[in-house]
N, C-alpha and C. Protein backbone atom coordinates (compact mmCIF):
# COMPACT_ATOMS: atom_id res chain seq x y z
N MET A 1 24.82 61.21 -31.30
CA MET A 1 23.95 62.14 -30.58
C MET A 1 22.61 62.24 -31.30
N ALA A 2 21.51 62.24 -30.53
CA ALA A 2 20.20 62.36 -31.15
C ALA A 2 20.01 63.74 -31.71
N GLN A 3 19.30 63.83 -32.84
CA GLN A 3 19.05 65.13 -33.44
C GLN A 3 18.00 65.88 -32.65
N LYS A 4 18.09 67.21 -32.69
CA LYS A 4 17.11 68.02 -32.00
C LYS A 4 15.76 67.88 -32.69
N LYS A 5 14.74 67.86 -31.88
CA LYS A 5 13.40 67.77 -32.44
C LYS A 5 12.41 68.43 -31.52
N ASN A 6 11.29 68.84 -32.07
CA ASN A 6 10.24 69.44 -31.27
C ASN A 6 9.43 68.34 -30.59
N THR A 7 9.13 68.52 -29.34
CA THR A 7 8.37 67.53 -28.61
C THR A 7 7.55 68.22 -27.55
N VAL A 8 6.67 67.48 -26.92
CA VAL A 8 5.84 68.07 -25.87
C VAL A 8 6.51 67.85 -24.53
N ARG A 9 6.73 68.91 -23.82
CA ARG A 9 7.35 68.81 -22.52
C ARG A 9 6.34 69.19 -21.45
N GLN A 10 6.26 68.39 -20.39
CA GLN A 10 5.35 68.70 -19.29
C GLN A 10 6.10 69.58 -18.29
N LYS A 11 5.59 70.80 -18.08
CA LYS A 11 6.23 71.71 -17.13
C LYS A 11 5.35 71.84 -15.89
N PRO A 12 5.97 71.96 -14.71
CA PRO A 12 5.19 72.11 -13.50
C PRO A 12 4.38 73.39 -13.52
N SER A 13 3.16 73.32 -13.04
CA SER A 13 2.34 74.52 -12.92
C SER A 13 2.75 75.31 -11.71
N ASN A 14 2.92 76.60 -11.84
CA ASN A 14 3.33 77.43 -10.72
C ASN A 14 2.31 77.44 -9.61
N SER A 15 1.06 77.11 -9.92
CA SER A 15 0.02 77.16 -8.91
C SER A 15 -0.23 75.83 -8.24
N ALA A 16 0.52 74.80 -8.62
CA ALA A 16 0.29 73.48 -8.05
C ALA A 16 0.60 73.47 -6.58
N SER A 17 -0.24 72.85 -5.79
CA SER A 17 -0.04 72.74 -4.35
C SER A 17 0.19 71.29 -4.01
N PRO A 18 1.10 70.97 -3.08
CA PRO A 18 1.38 69.59 -2.73
C PRO A 18 0.14 68.84 -2.26
N LYS A 19 -0.89 69.54 -1.73
CA LYS A 19 -2.04 68.87 -1.17
C LYS A 19 -3.20 68.80 -2.15
N GLU A 20 -2.99 69.17 -3.37
CA GLU A 20 -4.06 69.18 -4.34
C GLU A 20 -4.17 67.89 -5.13
N GLY A 21 -3.42 66.85 -4.73
CA GLY A 21 -3.48 65.58 -5.44
C GLY A 21 -2.56 65.59 -6.63
N PRO A 22 -3.00 65.03 -7.77
CA PRO A 22 -2.13 64.94 -8.96
C PRO A 22 -1.66 66.31 -9.42
N LEU A 23 -0.44 66.35 -9.86
CA LEU A 23 0.11 67.60 -10.37
C LEU A 23 -0.56 67.94 -11.69
N ASN A 24 -0.67 69.21 -11.97
CA ASN A 24 -1.38 69.66 -13.17
C ASN A 24 -0.47 70.53 -14.00
N PRO A 25 0.44 69.91 -14.81
CA PRO A 25 1.42 70.68 -15.55
C PRO A 25 0.83 71.37 -16.76
N GLU A 26 1.50 72.45 -17.18
CA GLU A 26 1.15 73.11 -18.43
C GLU A 26 1.91 72.41 -19.55
N VAL A 27 1.32 72.29 -20.70
CA VAL A 27 1.96 71.64 -21.84
C VAL A 27 2.54 72.70 -22.75
N GLN A 28 3.83 72.60 -23.01
CA GLN A 28 4.48 73.56 -23.89
C GLN A 28 5.33 72.83 -24.91
N ILE A 29 5.43 73.39 -26.11
CA ILE A 29 6.30 72.84 -27.14
C ILE A 29 7.69 73.40 -26.93
N GLU A 30 8.68 72.54 -26.85
CA GLU A 30 10.02 73.00 -26.55
C GLU A 30 11.05 72.09 -27.20
N ASP A 31 12.14 72.67 -27.62
CA ASP A 31 13.24 71.90 -28.18
C ASP A 31 13.91 71.14 -27.05
N MET A 32 13.89 69.81 -27.12
CA MET A 32 14.37 68.99 -26.01
C MET A 32 15.84 68.59 -26.15
N ALA A 33 16.52 69.12 -27.15
CA ALA A 33 17.91 68.75 -27.36
C ALA A 33 18.02 67.22 -27.35
N SER A 34 19.01 66.67 -26.62
CA SER A 34 19.22 65.23 -26.69
C SER A 34 18.61 64.48 -25.51
N LEU A 35 18.10 65.19 -24.49
CA LEU A 35 17.53 64.51 -23.33
C LEU A 35 16.23 63.82 -23.71
N ARG A 36 16.14 62.52 -23.45
CA ARG A 36 14.95 61.77 -23.85
C ARG A 36 14.24 61.08 -22.69
N ARG A 37 15.00 60.63 -21.69
CA ARG A 37 14.39 59.88 -20.59
C ARG A 37 15.03 60.29 -19.27
N PHE A 38 14.30 60.00 -18.18
CA PHE A 38 14.84 60.15 -16.83
C PHE A 38 14.88 58.78 -16.16
N LEU A 39 16.00 58.48 -15.51
CA LEU A 39 16.11 57.32 -14.64
C LEU A 39 16.28 57.89 -13.23
N VAL A 40 15.23 57.77 -12.42
CA VAL A 40 15.21 58.37 -11.09
C VAL A 40 15.28 57.26 -10.06
N VAL A 41 16.32 57.27 -9.23
CA VAL A 41 16.59 56.18 -8.30
C VAL A 41 16.61 56.72 -6.87
N SER A 42 15.82 56.12 -5.99
CA SER A 42 15.81 56.52 -4.58
C SER A 42 16.69 55.59 -3.76
N LEU A 43 17.35 56.17 -2.77
CA LEU A 43 18.18 55.40 -1.84
C LEU A 43 17.37 55.08 -0.59
N GLY A 44 17.69 53.96 0.02
CA GLY A 44 17.02 53.57 1.25
C GLY A 44 17.51 52.21 1.69
N ASN A 45 16.83 51.65 2.67
CA ASN A 45 17.16 50.32 3.17
C ASN A 45 15.95 49.41 3.03
N PRO A 46 16.18 48.13 2.84
CA PRO A 46 15.06 47.18 2.70
C PRO A 46 14.59 46.65 4.06
N GLY A 47 13.56 45.81 4.01
CA GLY A 47 13.12 45.10 5.20
C GLY A 47 12.61 45.99 6.31
N GLU A 48 13.05 45.70 7.52
CA GLU A 48 12.55 46.41 8.71
C GLU A 48 12.94 47.88 8.73
N TYR A 49 13.92 48.28 7.92
CA TYR A 49 14.36 49.68 7.90
C TYR A 49 13.80 50.46 6.72
N ARG A 50 12.83 49.88 6.04
CA ARG A 50 12.27 50.55 4.86
C ARG A 50 11.49 51.81 5.23
N ASP A 51 10.82 51.82 6.36
CA ASP A 51 9.98 52.95 6.75
C ASP A 51 10.68 53.91 7.71
N THR A 52 11.99 54.00 7.61
CA THR A 52 12.76 54.88 8.48
C THR A 52 13.17 56.16 7.75
N PHE A 53 13.68 57.12 8.50
CA PHE A 53 14.09 58.39 7.90
C PHE A 53 15.16 58.20 6.84
N HIS A 54 16.03 57.21 7.02
CA HIS A 54 17.09 56.98 6.05
C HIS A 54 16.54 56.52 4.70
N SER A 55 15.30 56.03 4.69
CA SER A 55 14.66 55.59 3.46
C SER A 55 13.63 56.60 2.96
N ALA A 56 13.79 57.86 3.37
CA ALA A 56 12.84 58.91 2.96
C ALA A 56 12.78 59.05 1.44
N GLY A 57 13.88 58.75 0.75
CA GLY A 57 13.88 58.82 -0.70
C GLY A 57 12.84 57.91 -1.33
N HIS A 58 12.67 56.70 -0.77
CA HIS A 58 11.66 55.78 -1.28
C HIS A 58 10.25 56.36 -1.13
N LEU A 59 9.99 56.92 0.05
CA LEU A 59 8.68 57.50 0.33
C LEU A 59 8.35 58.64 -0.64
N VAL A 60 9.34 59.48 -0.88
CA VAL A 60 9.14 60.63 -1.77
C VAL A 60 8.94 60.17 -3.22
N LEU A 61 9.67 59.15 -3.64
CA LEU A 61 9.52 58.65 -5.01
C LEU A 61 8.12 58.08 -5.23
N GLU A 62 7.58 57.39 -4.23
CA GLU A 62 6.22 56.87 -4.33
C GLU A 62 5.21 58.01 -4.39
N SER A 63 5.41 59.04 -3.59
CA SER A 63 4.52 60.19 -3.61
C SER A 63 4.57 60.90 -4.96
N PHE A 64 5.77 61.02 -5.52
CA PHE A 64 5.94 61.64 -6.84
C PHE A 64 5.14 60.89 -7.90
N GLN A 65 5.23 59.57 -7.89
CA GLN A 65 4.50 58.76 -8.87
C GLN A 65 2.99 58.97 -8.77
N LYS A 66 2.48 59.07 -7.56
CA LYS A 66 1.05 59.24 -7.36
C LYS A 66 0.57 60.63 -7.77
N LYS A 67 1.45 61.63 -7.68
CA LYS A 67 1.07 62.99 -8.01
C LYS A 67 1.16 63.31 -9.50
N LEU A 68 1.82 62.45 -10.27
CA LEU A 68 1.94 62.72 -11.70
C LEU A 68 0.58 62.61 -12.38
N PRO A 69 0.31 63.46 -13.37
CA PRO A 69 -0.97 63.42 -14.07
C PRO A 69 -1.11 62.14 -14.88
N GLU A 70 -2.35 61.67 -15.03
CA GLU A 70 -2.60 60.44 -15.77
C GLU A 70 -2.12 60.54 -17.21
N SER A 71 -2.08 61.77 -17.74
CA SER A 71 -1.68 61.95 -19.14
C SER A 71 -0.24 61.51 -19.40
N LEU A 72 0.58 61.44 -18.36
CA LEU A 72 1.96 60.99 -18.54
C LEU A 72 2.08 59.47 -18.56
N GLY A 73 1.02 58.78 -18.18
CA GLY A 73 1.02 57.32 -18.26
C GLY A 73 2.02 56.65 -17.34
N GLN A 74 2.23 57.19 -16.14
CA GLN A 74 3.18 56.60 -15.20
C GLN A 74 2.49 55.51 -14.38
N PRO A 75 2.90 54.25 -14.55
CA PRO A 75 2.22 53.15 -13.85
C PRO A 75 2.58 53.07 -12.38
N ALA A 76 1.80 52.31 -11.63
CA ALA A 76 2.08 52.06 -10.22
C ALA A 76 3.35 51.22 -10.09
N PHE A 77 3.93 51.21 -8.91
CA PHE A 77 5.14 50.43 -8.66
C PHE A 77 4.81 48.94 -8.66
N THR A 78 5.67 48.18 -9.33
CA THR A 78 5.58 46.72 -9.32
C THR A 78 7.00 46.17 -9.20
N SER A 79 7.12 44.86 -9.06
CA SER A 79 8.44 44.24 -8.96
C SER A 79 8.98 43.96 -10.36
N GLU A 80 10.19 44.45 -10.66
CA GLU A 80 10.85 44.21 -11.94
C GLU A 80 12.32 43.87 -11.69
N ARG A 81 12.97 43.38 -12.71
CA ARG A 81 14.40 43.06 -12.61
C ARG A 81 15.22 44.21 -13.19
N HIS A 82 16.07 44.77 -12.37
CA HIS A 82 17.01 45.81 -12.80
C HIS A 82 18.33 45.58 -12.07
N GLY A 83 19.44 45.63 -12.82
CA GLY A 83 20.73 45.40 -12.19
C GLY A 83 20.85 44.04 -11.57
N LYS A 84 20.15 43.06 -12.18
CA LYS A 84 20.19 41.66 -11.73
C LYS A 84 19.55 41.44 -10.36
N LYS A 85 18.68 42.36 -9.95
CA LYS A 85 17.96 42.22 -8.68
C LYS A 85 16.49 42.57 -8.87
N ALA A 86 15.64 42.01 -8.00
CA ALA A 86 14.23 42.38 -7.99
C ALA A 86 14.11 43.76 -7.37
N VAL A 87 13.44 44.66 -8.07
CA VAL A 87 13.38 46.06 -7.66
C VAL A 87 11.94 46.55 -7.76
N ARG A 88 11.52 47.39 -6.82
CA ARG A 88 10.24 48.09 -6.96
C ARG A 88 10.45 49.18 -7.99
N ALA A 89 9.67 49.11 -9.07
CA ALA A 89 9.90 50.01 -10.20
C ALA A 89 8.59 50.50 -10.79
N SER A 90 8.67 51.68 -11.40
CA SER A 90 7.56 52.26 -12.15
C SER A 90 8.16 52.79 -13.45
N ALA A 91 7.95 52.06 -14.54
CA ALA A 91 8.58 52.41 -15.82
C ALA A 91 7.55 53.02 -16.76
N GLY A 92 7.59 54.35 -16.87
CA GLY A 92 6.70 55.07 -17.77
C GLY A 92 7.42 55.50 -19.03
N PRO A 93 6.73 56.20 -19.93
CA PRO A 93 7.34 56.63 -21.19
C PRO A 93 8.41 57.69 -21.01
N LYS A 94 8.38 58.43 -19.92
CA LYS A 94 9.36 59.48 -19.69
C LYS A 94 10.22 59.21 -18.46
N TYR A 95 9.60 58.76 -17.39
CA TYR A 95 10.30 58.51 -16.14
C TYR A 95 10.35 57.02 -15.83
N THR A 96 11.55 56.51 -15.57
CA THR A 96 11.69 55.19 -14.98
C THR A 96 12.13 55.40 -13.54
N LEU A 97 11.29 54.99 -12.60
CA LEU A 97 11.53 55.19 -11.18
C LEU A 97 11.93 53.87 -10.55
N LEU A 98 13.06 53.86 -9.87
CA LEU A 98 13.55 52.65 -9.22
C LEU A 98 13.84 52.92 -7.75
N GLN A 99 13.48 51.98 -6.89
CA GLN A 99 13.83 52.06 -5.48
C GLN A 99 14.96 51.06 -5.23
N SER A 100 16.10 51.57 -4.81
CA SER A 100 17.26 50.70 -4.62
C SER A 100 16.90 49.52 -3.70
N PRO A 101 17.23 48.29 -4.12
CA PRO A 101 16.87 47.12 -3.33
C PRO A 101 17.93 46.71 -2.31
N THR A 102 19.08 47.37 -2.33
CA THR A 102 20.19 46.94 -1.48
C THR A 102 20.24 47.72 -0.17
N LEU A 103 21.10 47.27 0.72
CA LEU A 103 21.39 48.06 1.91
C LEU A 103 22.02 49.38 1.48
N MET A 104 21.71 50.44 2.20
CA MET A 104 22.15 51.78 1.83
C MET A 104 23.65 51.85 1.52
N ASN A 105 24.46 51.27 2.38
CA ASN A 105 25.91 51.46 2.29
C ASN A 105 26.57 50.74 1.11
N ILE A 106 25.82 49.88 0.42
CA ILE A 106 26.39 49.16 -0.72
C ILE A 106 25.54 49.38 -1.98
N THR A 107 24.93 50.54 -2.08
CA THR A 107 24.06 50.85 -3.21
C THR A 107 24.84 50.97 -4.52
N GLY A 108 26.06 51.48 -4.45
CA GLY A 108 26.83 51.84 -5.64
C GLY A 108 26.96 50.77 -6.70
N PRO A 109 27.46 49.58 -6.38
CA PRO A 109 27.64 48.55 -7.41
C PRO A 109 26.34 48.20 -8.13
N TRP A 110 25.25 48.08 -7.36
CA TRP A 110 23.96 47.77 -8.01
C TRP A 110 23.54 48.91 -8.93
N LEU A 111 23.63 50.15 -8.47
CA LEU A 111 23.20 51.29 -9.28
C LEU A 111 24.01 51.41 -10.57
N ALA A 112 25.32 51.21 -10.47
CA ALA A 112 26.16 51.29 -11.66
C ALA A 112 25.73 50.24 -12.69
N ARG A 113 25.44 49.03 -12.22
CA ARG A 113 25.02 47.96 -13.12
C ARG A 113 23.64 48.28 -13.72
N ALA A 114 22.70 48.75 -12.89
CA ALA A 114 21.36 49.06 -13.37
C ALA A 114 21.37 50.20 -14.39
N TYR A 115 22.20 51.20 -14.15
CA TYR A 115 22.30 52.34 -15.07
C TYR A 115 22.83 51.90 -16.42
N LYS A 116 23.90 51.13 -16.42
CA LYS A 116 24.50 50.68 -17.68
C LYS A 116 23.55 49.75 -18.44
N GLU A 117 22.84 48.89 -17.72
CA GLU A 117 21.87 48.01 -18.38
C GLU A 117 20.73 48.82 -18.98
N PHE A 118 20.31 49.88 -18.28
CA PHE A 118 19.23 50.72 -18.78
C PHE A 118 19.63 51.38 -20.11
N LEU A 119 20.85 51.88 -20.19
CA LEU A 119 21.33 52.49 -21.43
C LEU A 119 21.30 51.49 -22.58
N VAL A 120 21.73 50.27 -22.31
CA VAL A 120 21.76 49.25 -23.35
C VAL A 120 20.35 48.83 -23.76
N ASP A 121 19.50 48.57 -22.76
CA ASP A 121 18.14 48.10 -23.04
C ASP A 121 17.33 49.14 -23.81
N GLN A 122 17.55 50.42 -23.50
CA GLN A 122 16.79 51.49 -24.15
C GLN A 122 17.50 52.02 -25.40
N ALA A 123 18.70 51.50 -25.68
CA ALA A 123 19.48 51.95 -26.84
C ALA A 123 19.69 53.46 -26.79
N LEU A 124 20.09 53.96 -25.62
CA LEU A 124 20.31 55.38 -25.41
C LEU A 124 21.74 55.63 -24.96
N SER A 125 22.24 56.85 -25.23
CA SER A 125 23.57 57.24 -24.78
C SER A 125 23.46 57.97 -23.44
N PRO A 126 24.57 58.12 -22.70
CA PRO A 126 24.51 58.82 -21.41
C PRO A 126 23.95 60.24 -21.50
N GLU A 127 24.14 60.92 -22.62
CA GLU A 127 23.63 62.28 -22.74
C GLU A 127 22.13 62.33 -23.02
N GLU A 128 21.54 61.17 -23.33
CA GLU A 128 20.11 61.11 -23.60
C GLU A 128 19.29 60.71 -22.37
N VAL A 129 19.97 60.33 -21.28
CA VAL A 129 19.29 59.88 -20.06
C VAL A 129 19.72 60.73 -18.88
N GLY A 130 18.77 61.32 -18.19
CA GLY A 130 19.07 62.05 -16.98
C GLY A 130 18.99 61.11 -15.78
N LEU A 131 20.12 60.85 -15.16
CA LEU A 131 20.16 59.99 -13.97
C LEU A 131 20.06 60.87 -12.73
N VAL A 132 19.04 60.64 -11.91
CA VAL A 132 18.81 61.46 -10.73
C VAL A 132 18.73 60.57 -9.50
N LEU A 133 19.57 60.86 -8.52
CA LEU A 133 19.61 60.12 -7.26
C LEU A 133 18.81 60.88 -6.22
N VAL A 134 17.83 60.23 -5.60
CA VAL A 134 16.98 60.86 -4.58
C VAL A 134 17.35 60.28 -3.22
N HIS A 135 17.74 61.15 -2.30
CA HIS A 135 18.24 60.65 -1.01
C HIS A 135 17.88 61.59 0.14
N ASP A 136 17.94 61.06 1.35
CA ASP A 136 17.66 61.84 2.55
C ASP A 136 18.83 62.77 2.86
N ASP A 137 18.54 63.84 3.62
CA ASP A 137 19.56 64.83 3.95
C ASP A 137 19.35 65.32 5.38
N LEU A 138 20.30 65.01 6.24
CA LEU A 138 20.24 65.41 7.65
C LEU A 138 20.39 66.91 7.85
N GLU A 139 21.02 67.58 6.90
CA GLU A 139 21.36 68.99 7.09
C GLU A 139 20.25 69.94 6.67
N GLU A 140 19.14 69.43 6.17
CA GLU A 140 18.02 70.28 5.76
C GLU A 140 16.79 69.97 6.61
N GLU A 141 15.93 70.98 6.77
CA GLU A 141 14.71 70.79 7.54
C GLU A 141 13.77 69.81 6.85
N LEU A 142 12.90 69.22 7.63
CA LEU A 142 12.00 68.18 7.15
C LEU A 142 11.20 68.65 5.92
N GLY A 143 11.31 67.88 4.84
CA GLY A 143 10.53 68.16 3.64
C GLY A 143 11.16 69.11 2.64
N VAL A 144 12.30 69.71 2.99
CA VAL A 144 12.96 70.64 2.06
C VAL A 144 13.65 69.85 0.95
N VAL A 145 13.35 70.20 -0.29
CA VAL A 145 13.90 69.48 -1.45
C VAL A 145 14.88 70.40 -2.18
N LYS A 146 16.07 69.88 -2.49
CA LYS A 146 17.08 70.68 -3.19
C LYS A 146 17.77 69.87 -4.27
N VAL A 147 18.07 70.53 -5.37
CA VAL A 147 18.88 69.92 -6.43
C VAL A 147 20.34 70.12 -6.08
N ARG A 148 21.12 69.07 -6.19
CA ARG A 148 22.55 69.14 -5.88
C ARG A 148 23.38 68.57 -7.03
N GLN A 149 24.55 69.10 -7.20
CA GLN A 149 25.45 68.56 -8.22
C GLN A 149 25.84 67.14 -7.83
N TRP A 150 26.08 66.34 -8.85
CA TRP A 150 26.40 64.92 -8.61
C TRP A 150 27.58 64.75 -7.66
N LYS A 151 28.61 65.57 -7.84
CA LYS A 151 29.82 65.42 -7.03
C LYS A 151 29.84 66.30 -5.79
N ALA A 152 28.70 66.90 -5.44
CA ALA A 152 28.65 67.71 -4.22
C ALA A 152 28.98 66.83 -3.02
N SER A 153 29.44 67.43 -1.95
CA SER A 153 29.86 66.69 -0.76
C SER A 153 28.79 65.69 -0.30
N HIS A 154 29.24 64.49 0.04
CA HIS A 154 28.31 63.48 0.54
C HIS A 154 27.93 63.75 1.99
N ARG A 155 28.68 64.61 2.66
CA ARG A 155 28.41 65.03 4.05
C ARG A 155 28.17 63.83 4.97
N GLY A 156 28.98 62.79 4.77
CA GLY A 156 28.92 61.63 5.64
C GLY A 156 27.86 60.60 5.28
N HIS A 157 27.15 60.81 4.18
CA HIS A 157 26.09 59.89 3.76
C HIS A 157 26.73 58.69 3.06
N ASN A 158 26.67 57.51 3.70
CA ASN A 158 27.38 56.35 3.18
C ASN A 158 26.80 55.82 1.87
N GLY A 159 25.50 56.01 1.66
CA GLY A 159 24.90 55.58 0.41
C GLY A 159 25.45 56.38 -0.76
N ILE A 160 25.58 57.68 -0.57
CA ILE A 160 26.14 58.53 -1.63
C ILE A 160 27.61 58.20 -1.84
N LYS A 161 28.32 57.96 -0.77
CA LYS A 161 29.73 57.57 -0.88
C LYS A 161 29.86 56.35 -1.79
N SER A 162 29.03 55.36 -1.58
CA SER A 162 29.09 54.12 -2.35
C SER A 162 28.79 54.38 -3.82
N VAL A 163 27.79 55.22 -4.08
CA VAL A 163 27.43 55.52 -5.47
C VAL A 163 28.54 56.27 -6.18
N LEU A 164 29.09 57.29 -5.54
CA LEU A 164 30.14 58.08 -6.16
C LEU A 164 31.38 57.23 -6.45
N ALA A 165 31.64 56.27 -5.59
CA ALA A 165 32.81 55.40 -5.79
C ALA A 165 32.59 54.39 -6.91
N SER A 166 31.32 54.08 -7.21
CA SER A 166 31.02 53.03 -8.18
C SER A 166 30.70 53.55 -9.57
N LEU A 167 30.39 54.83 -9.70
CA LEU A 167 30.07 55.41 -11.01
C LEU A 167 31.11 56.46 -11.38
N PRO A 168 32.17 56.06 -12.06
CA PRO A 168 33.17 57.04 -12.49
C PRO A 168 32.60 57.98 -13.52
N PRO A 169 33.15 59.19 -13.65
CA PRO A 169 32.62 60.17 -14.59
C PRO A 169 32.55 59.63 -16.02
N MET A 170 31.49 59.99 -16.73
CA MET A 170 31.32 59.63 -18.14
C MET A 170 31.19 60.91 -18.96
N PRO A 171 31.82 60.98 -20.11
CA PRO A 171 31.69 62.17 -20.97
C PRO A 171 30.23 62.42 -21.35
N ASP A 172 29.79 63.65 -21.20
CA ASP A 172 28.45 64.08 -21.61
C ASP A 172 27.32 63.48 -20.78
N ALA A 173 27.63 62.74 -19.71
CA ALA A 173 26.57 62.15 -18.89
C ALA A 173 25.81 63.24 -18.14
N LYS A 174 24.51 63.04 -17.99
CA LYS A 174 23.65 63.98 -17.26
C LYS A 174 23.26 63.33 -15.94
N TRP A 175 23.96 63.69 -14.88
CA TRP A 175 23.73 63.12 -13.56
C TRP A 175 23.51 64.23 -12.55
N ALA A 176 22.63 64.00 -11.58
CA ALA A 176 22.40 64.97 -10.52
C ALA A 176 21.80 64.25 -9.31
N ARG A 177 21.77 64.96 -8.20
CA ARG A 177 21.15 64.43 -6.99
C ARG A 177 20.03 65.37 -6.54
N VAL A 178 19.01 64.79 -5.92
CA VAL A 178 17.96 65.58 -5.30
C VAL A 178 17.86 65.13 -3.84
N SER A 179 18.10 66.06 -2.93
CA SER A 179 18.10 65.72 -1.50
C SER A 179 16.76 66.06 -0.87
N ILE A 180 16.36 65.24 0.11
CA ILE A 180 15.11 65.42 0.84
C ILE A 180 15.45 65.63 2.31
N GLY A 181 15.15 66.81 2.83
CA GLY A 181 15.47 67.10 4.22
C GLY A 181 14.70 66.25 5.20
N ILE A 182 15.40 65.71 6.20
CA ILE A 182 14.74 64.93 7.25
C ILE A 182 15.00 65.54 8.62
N GLY A 183 15.73 66.68 8.66
CA GLY A 183 16.05 67.28 9.96
C GLY A 183 17.17 66.53 10.65
N ARG A 184 17.55 67.04 11.81
CA ARG A 184 18.64 66.42 12.57
C ARG A 184 18.34 66.51 14.06
N PRO A 185 18.64 65.46 14.82
CA PRO A 185 18.43 65.54 16.28
C PRO A 185 19.35 66.59 16.90
N ASP A 186 18.98 67.08 18.06
CA ASP A 186 19.78 68.12 18.72
C ASP A 186 21.19 67.65 19.01
N GLU A 187 21.32 66.42 19.48
CA GLU A 187 22.65 65.86 19.75
C GLU A 187 23.25 65.38 18.43
N ARG A 188 24.53 65.68 18.21
CA ARG A 188 25.15 65.38 16.92
C ARG A 188 26.17 64.24 16.97
N ASP A 189 26.20 63.51 18.10
CA ASP A 189 27.14 62.39 18.18
C ASP A 189 26.66 61.27 17.26
N GLN A 190 27.60 60.40 16.86
CA GLN A 190 27.32 59.38 15.85
C GLN A 190 26.20 58.43 16.26
N THR A 191 26.17 58.03 17.53
CA THR A 191 25.16 57.09 17.98
C THR A 191 23.76 57.68 17.89
N THR A 192 23.62 58.92 18.34
CA THR A 192 22.31 59.58 18.30
C THR A 192 21.83 59.76 16.87
N VAL A 193 22.73 60.20 16.00
CA VAL A 193 22.37 60.41 14.60
C VAL A 193 21.98 59.09 13.94
N SER A 194 22.75 58.03 14.21
CA SER A 194 22.46 56.72 13.64
C SER A 194 21.09 56.21 14.10
N ASP A 195 20.81 56.38 15.39
CA ASP A 195 19.51 55.94 15.92
C ASP A 195 18.37 56.73 15.27
N PHE A 196 18.62 58.01 15.02
CA PHE A 196 17.58 58.86 14.42
C PHE A 196 17.26 58.44 12.99
N VAL A 197 18.28 58.29 12.15
CA VAL A 197 18.01 57.98 10.74
C VAL A 197 17.41 56.59 10.57
N LEU A 198 17.63 55.70 11.53
CA LEU A 198 17.09 54.35 11.44
C LEU A 198 15.81 54.19 12.26
N SER A 199 15.24 55.30 12.72
CA SER A 199 13.98 55.26 13.47
C SER A 199 12.79 55.37 12.52
N LYS A 200 11.66 54.82 12.94
CA LYS A 200 10.45 54.88 12.12
C LYS A 200 10.01 56.33 11.94
N ILE A 201 9.52 56.64 10.75
CA ILE A 201 9.03 57.98 10.47
C ILE A 201 7.65 58.14 11.11
N PRO A 202 7.47 59.10 12.04
CA PRO A 202 6.15 59.33 12.64
C PRO A 202 5.14 59.76 11.59
N ARG A 203 3.86 59.59 11.91
CA ARG A 203 2.81 59.89 10.95
C ARG A 203 2.85 61.33 10.45
N HIS A 204 3.04 62.29 11.37
CA HIS A 204 3.04 63.69 10.94
C HIS A 204 4.22 64.00 10.02
N ALA A 205 5.39 63.41 10.32
CA ALA A 205 6.57 63.62 9.48
C ALA A 205 6.38 62.96 8.12
N LYS A 206 5.74 61.79 8.11
CA LYS A 206 5.49 61.11 6.84
C LYS A 206 4.58 61.95 5.96
N GLY A 207 3.58 62.58 6.56
CA GLY A 207 2.68 63.44 5.79
C GLY A 207 3.40 64.61 5.17
N ILE A 208 4.33 65.21 5.92
CA ILE A 208 5.11 66.34 5.38
C ILE A 208 5.99 65.88 4.22
N LEU A 209 6.65 64.75 4.39
CA LEU A 209 7.51 64.23 3.32
C LEU A 209 6.71 63.90 2.07
N GLN A 210 5.52 63.34 2.24
CA GLN A 210 4.70 63.00 1.09
C GLN A 210 4.18 64.26 0.39
N ASP A 211 3.71 65.24 1.17
CA ASP A 211 3.13 66.45 0.59
C ASP A 211 4.20 67.31 -0.09
N LYS A 212 5.27 67.60 0.64
CA LYS A 212 6.30 68.48 0.11
C LYS A 212 7.28 67.74 -0.81
N GLY A 213 7.56 66.52 -0.46
CA GLY A 213 8.57 65.78 -1.21
C GLY A 213 8.17 65.45 -2.63
N GLY A 214 6.95 64.94 -2.82
CA GLY A 214 6.52 64.58 -4.16
C GLY A 214 6.49 65.76 -5.11
N SER A 215 5.89 66.87 -4.65
CA SER A 215 5.84 68.07 -5.49
C SER A 215 7.21 68.71 -5.65
N GLY A 216 8.03 68.64 -4.58
CA GLY A 216 9.38 69.19 -4.66
C GLY A 216 10.24 68.45 -5.66
N LEU A 217 10.07 67.13 -5.73
CA LEU A 217 10.83 66.35 -6.70
C LEU A 217 10.39 66.70 -8.12
N TRP A 218 9.10 66.91 -8.33
CA TRP A 218 8.59 67.32 -9.64
C TRP A 218 9.24 68.64 -10.07
N GLU A 219 9.28 69.61 -9.17
CA GLU A 219 9.90 70.89 -9.48
C GLU A 219 11.39 70.72 -9.77
N ALA A 220 12.06 69.87 -8.98
CA ALA A 220 13.49 69.65 -9.17
C ALA A 220 13.78 69.03 -10.53
N LEU A 221 12.98 68.05 -10.94
CA LEU A 221 13.18 67.42 -12.24
C LEU A 221 12.90 68.41 -13.37
N GLY A 222 11.95 69.31 -13.15
CA GLY A 222 11.69 70.34 -14.15
C GLY A 222 12.89 71.25 -14.34
N LYS A 223 13.54 71.62 -13.23
CA LYS A 223 14.74 72.47 -13.32
C LYS A 223 15.87 71.74 -14.04
N LEU A 224 16.04 70.46 -13.73
CA LEU A 224 17.10 69.70 -14.38
C LEU A 224 16.81 69.52 -15.86
N GLU A 225 15.55 69.31 -16.20
CA GLU A 225 15.19 69.14 -17.61
C GLU A 225 15.50 70.41 -18.40
N THR A 226 15.18 71.56 -17.81
CA THR A 226 15.49 72.83 -18.47
C THR A 226 16.99 73.00 -18.65
N LYS A 227 17.75 72.68 -17.62
CA LYS A 227 19.21 72.80 -17.67
C LYS A 227 19.82 71.86 -18.70
N TRP A 228 19.37 70.62 -18.70
CA TRP A 228 19.97 69.61 -19.57
C TRP A 228 19.49 69.70 -21.02
N SER A 229 18.43 70.47 -21.26
CA SER A 229 17.91 70.59 -22.60
C SER A 229 18.49 71.77 -23.36
N LYS A 230 19.32 72.56 -22.70
CA LYS A 230 19.91 73.74 -23.37
C LYS A 230 21.03 73.32 -24.32
């Protein structure tokens, strides 16, 4: 276990607005316990389904990266190798952001491999890395961001099902999910819901997800950092 040490932690500013561009955190000295890095992974689909509601996690992760202050040194997304696949990634000193490259329903095996490789490559233990899964949520209104326990109900989300089946519990691991609301069509039959999540995100909805989602993810990671640093 890493020894406790004083470090600089970036905390979200209470006055930050999603439409104000880069986030402007306050800098505070805080005991960070053993948490050292975040591995934040968004779920979605590749190819023609990349810009659909089911891939809202990718959109929000990109918005989050753009809203981070330059002082954190978070680079733009580029293609990197993670989990033996080419992945859109942004690897900064604190946050490593990955967009899952696989089809939604088979995300689990790739994520498990990428997570374990990350621990080895960074020479870190599971308690030193906060793994956060960012995914769409049919049960919440558009743009609503919520922190959820890792084992909370998947509520029929096949991507989450795959991840939970592929990553068995690890002692002292710090894992959580952050859901992004995409709303739900009035009709709740399987065909209508499937057509909805695989439909292109309209411009107005994309703007809401970018504005609320990026800042909401920042706030969510701040809450998890506080929790995991105790």
